[in-house]
């Protein structure tokens, strides 16, 4: 099921970060995939956006492949797909 406008708006609002680099990556992601996101993708994004800015940055640029607080979730296919899309240049 595709995310509704309200859910997508909430995710985009949560995506506004303190680090400009994170903002740019997340903005690019929403421009490319925002209209295609499903509920599972939204859950993954919510978990990622709950991270602090530096941990999120490390994941987005590939400096780290996991963080301790999300280690179990990061093994799922949906998490891997969303993270791969976020890392696309």
C-alpha atoms as a PDB file:
ATOM      1  CA  UNK A   1       0.000   0.000   0.000  1.00  0.00           C
ATOM      2  CA  UNK A   2       1.419   3.381  -1.069  1.00  0.00           C
ATOM      3  CA  UNK A   3       1.871   6.039   1.618  1.00  0.00           C
ATOM      4  CA  UNK A   4      -0.779   8.727   1.728  1.00  0.00           C
ATOM      5  CA  UNK A   5      -0.051  12.427   1.504  1.00  0.00           C
ATOM      6  CA  UNK A   6      -0.245  12.916   5.284  1.00  0.00           C
ATOM      7  CA  UNK A   7       2.256  10.143   6.021  1.00  0.00           C
ATOM      8  CA  UNK A   8       4.598  11.354   3.292  1.00  0.00           C
ATOM      9  CA  UNK A   9       4.391  14.927   4.601  1.00  0.00           C
ATOM     10  CA  UNK A  10       5.243  13.705   8.120  1.00  0.00           C
ATOM     11  CA  UNK A  11       8.287  11.819   6.845  1.00  0.00           C
ATOM     12  CA  UNK A  12       9.484  14.807   4.844  1.00  0.00           C
ATOM     13  CA  UNK A  13       9.068  17.017   7.913  1.00  0.00           C
ATOM     14  CA  UNK A  14      11.020  14.555  10.048  1.00  0.00           C
ATOM     15  CA  UNK A  15      13.721  14.481   7.357  1.00  0.00           C
ATOM     16  CA  UNK A  16      14.691  18.101   7.979  1.00  0.00           C
ATOM     17  CA  UNK A  17      17.971  17.655   9.805  1.00  0.00           C
ATOM     18  CA  UNK A  18      20.697  19.689  11.450  1.00  0.00           C
ATOM     19  CA  UNK A  19      23.303  18.635   8.904  1.00  0.00           C
ATOM     20  CA  UNK A  20      22.919  20.077   5.422  1.00  0.00           C
ATOM     21  CA  UNK A  21      24.438  16.940   3.881  1.00  0.00           C
ATOM     22  CA  UNK A  22      21.670  14.783   5.374  1.00  0.00           C
ATOM     23  CA  UNK A  23      19.045  17.242   4.135  1.00  0.00           C
ATOM     24  CA  UNK A  24      20.391  17.083   0.593  1.00  0.00           C
ATOM     25  CA  UNK A  25      20.520  13.290   0.498  1.00  0.00           C
ATOM     26  CA  UNK A  26      17.036  12.937   1.957  1.00  0.00           C
ATOM     27  CA  UNK A  27      15.600  15.586  -0.362  1.00  0.00           C
ATOM     28  CA  UNK A  28      17.041  13.784  -3.397  1.00  0.00           C
ATOM     29  CA  UNK A  29      15.569  10.496  -2.122  1.00  0.00           C
ATOM     30  CA  UNK A  30      12.076  11.980  -1.729  1.00  0.00           C
ATOM     31  CA  UNK A  31      12.241  13.573  -5.180  1.00  0.00           C
ATOM     32  CA  UNK A  32      13.068  10.211  -6.743  1.00  0.00           C
ATOM     33  CA  UNK A  33      11.014   7.809  -4.662  1.00  0.00           C
ATOM     34  CA  UNK A  34       8.476   9.796  -2.626  1.00  0.00           C
ATOM     35  CA  UNK A  35       5.496   8.889  -4.797  1.00  0.00           C
ATOM     36  CA  UNK A  36       6.455   5.182  -4.729  1.00  0.00           C
ATOM     37  CA  UNK A  37       6.974   4.687  -0.984  1.00  0.00           C
ATOM     38  CA  UNK A  38       4.876   2.040   0.700  1.00  0.00           C
ATOM     39  CA  UNK A  39       4.022   1.590   4.373  1.00  0.00           C
ATOM     40  CA  UNK A  40       7.014  -0.682   4.990  1.00  0.00           C
ATOM     41  CA  UNK A  41       9.356   1.887   3.422  1.00  0.00           C
ATOM     42  CA  UNK A  42       7.805   4.511   5.675  1.00  0.00           C
ATOM     43  CA  UNK A  43       8.523   2.404   8.746  1.00  0.00           C
ATOM     44  CA  UNK A  44      12.152   1.978   7.685  1.00  0.00           C
ATOM     45  CA  UNK A  45      12.524   5.712   7.074  1.00  0.00           C
ATOM     46  CA  UNK A  46      10.979   6.525  10.448  1.00  0.00           C
ATOM     47  CA  UNK A  47      13.524   4.294  12.150  1.00  0.00           C
ATOM     48  CA  UNK A  48      16.377   5.898  10.230  1.00  0.00           C
ATOM     49  CA  UNK A  49      15.153   9.416  10.922  1.00  0.00           C
ATOM     50  CA  UNK A  50      15.064   8.648  14.651  1.00  0.00           C
ATOM     51  CA  UNK A  51      18.876   8.317  14.591  1.00  0.00           C
ATOM     52  CA  UNK A  52      21.065  11.236  15.559  1.00  0.00           C
ATOM     53  CA  UNK A  53      22.472  13.252  12.677  1.00  0.00           C
ATOM     54  CA  UNK A  54      25.978  11.801  12.776  1.00  0.00           C
ATOM     55  CA  UNK A  55      24.838   8.162  12.823  1.00  0.00           C
ATOM     56  CA  UNK A  56      22.409   8.882  10.000  1.00  0.00           C
ATOM     57  CA  UNK A  57      25.144  10.591   7.986  1.00  0.00           C
ATOM     58  CA  UNK A  58      27.491   7.638   8.480  1.00  0.00           C
ATOM     59  CA  UNK A  59      24.835   5.271   7.121  1.00  0.00           C
ATOM     60  CA  UNK A  60      23.836   7.496   4.232  1.00  0.00           C
ATOM     61  CA  UNK A  61      27.355   7.983   2.912  1.00  0.00           C
ATOM     62  CA  UNK A  62      28.374   4.382   3.596  1.00  0.00           C
ATOM     63  CA  UNK A  63      30.941   5.147   6.267  1.00  0.00           C
ATOM     64  CA  UNK A  64      29.118   2.569   8.395  1.00  0.00           C
ATOM     65  CA  UNK A  65      27.015  -0.375   7.323  1.00  0.00           C
ATOM     66  CA  UNK A  66      25.054  -0.595  10.562  1.00  0.00           C
ATOM     67  CA  UNK A  67      24.387   1.040  13.891  1.00  0.00           C
ATOM     68  CA  UNK A  68      23.866  -0.868  17.116  1.00  0.00           C
ATOM     69  CA  UNK A  69      20.332   0.412  17.716  1.00  0.00           C
ATOM     70  CA  UNK A  70      19.123  -0.895  14.332  1.00  0.00           C
ATOM     71  CA  UNK A  71      21.262  -3.968  13.850  1.00  0.00           C
ATOM     72  CA  UNK A  72      18.353  -6.433  13.714  1.00  0.00           C
ATOM     73  CA  UNK A  73      16.186  -4.272  11.446  1.00  0.00           C
ATOM     74  CA  UNK A  74      19.058  -3.658   9.057  1.00  0.00           C
ATOM     75  CA  UNK A  75      19.078  -7.346   8.112  1.00  0.00           C
ATOM     76  CA  UNK A  76      15.648  -7.127   6.469  1.00  0.00           C
ATOM     77  CA  UNK A  77      15.293  -6.776   2.720  1.00  0.00           C
ATOM     78  CA  UNK A  78      13.109  -3.680   3.006  1.00  0.00           C
ATOM     79  CA  UNK A  79      15.742  -1.914   5.103  1.00  0.00           C
ATOM     80  CA  UNK A  80      18.500  -2.836   2.671  1.00  0.00           C
ATOM     81  CA  UNK A  81      16.487  -1.567  -0.301  1.00  0.00           C
ATOM     82  CA  UNK A  82      15.664   1.779   1.318  1.00  0.00           C
ATOM     83  CA  UNK A  83      19.272   2.284   2.416  1.00  0.00           C
ATOM     84  CA  UNK A  84      20.531   1.405  -1.060  1.00  0.00           C
ATOM     85  CA  UNK A  85      18.164   3.959  -2.592  1.00  0.00           C
ATOM     86  CA  UNK A  86      19.270   6.591  -0.095  1.00  0.00           C
ATOM     87  CA  UNK A  87      22.903   5.974  -1.054  1.00  0.00           C
ATOM     88  CA  UNK A  88      22.329   6.378  -4.801  1.00  0.00           C
ATOM     89  CA  UNK A  89      24.157   9.336  -6.294  1.00  0.00           C
END
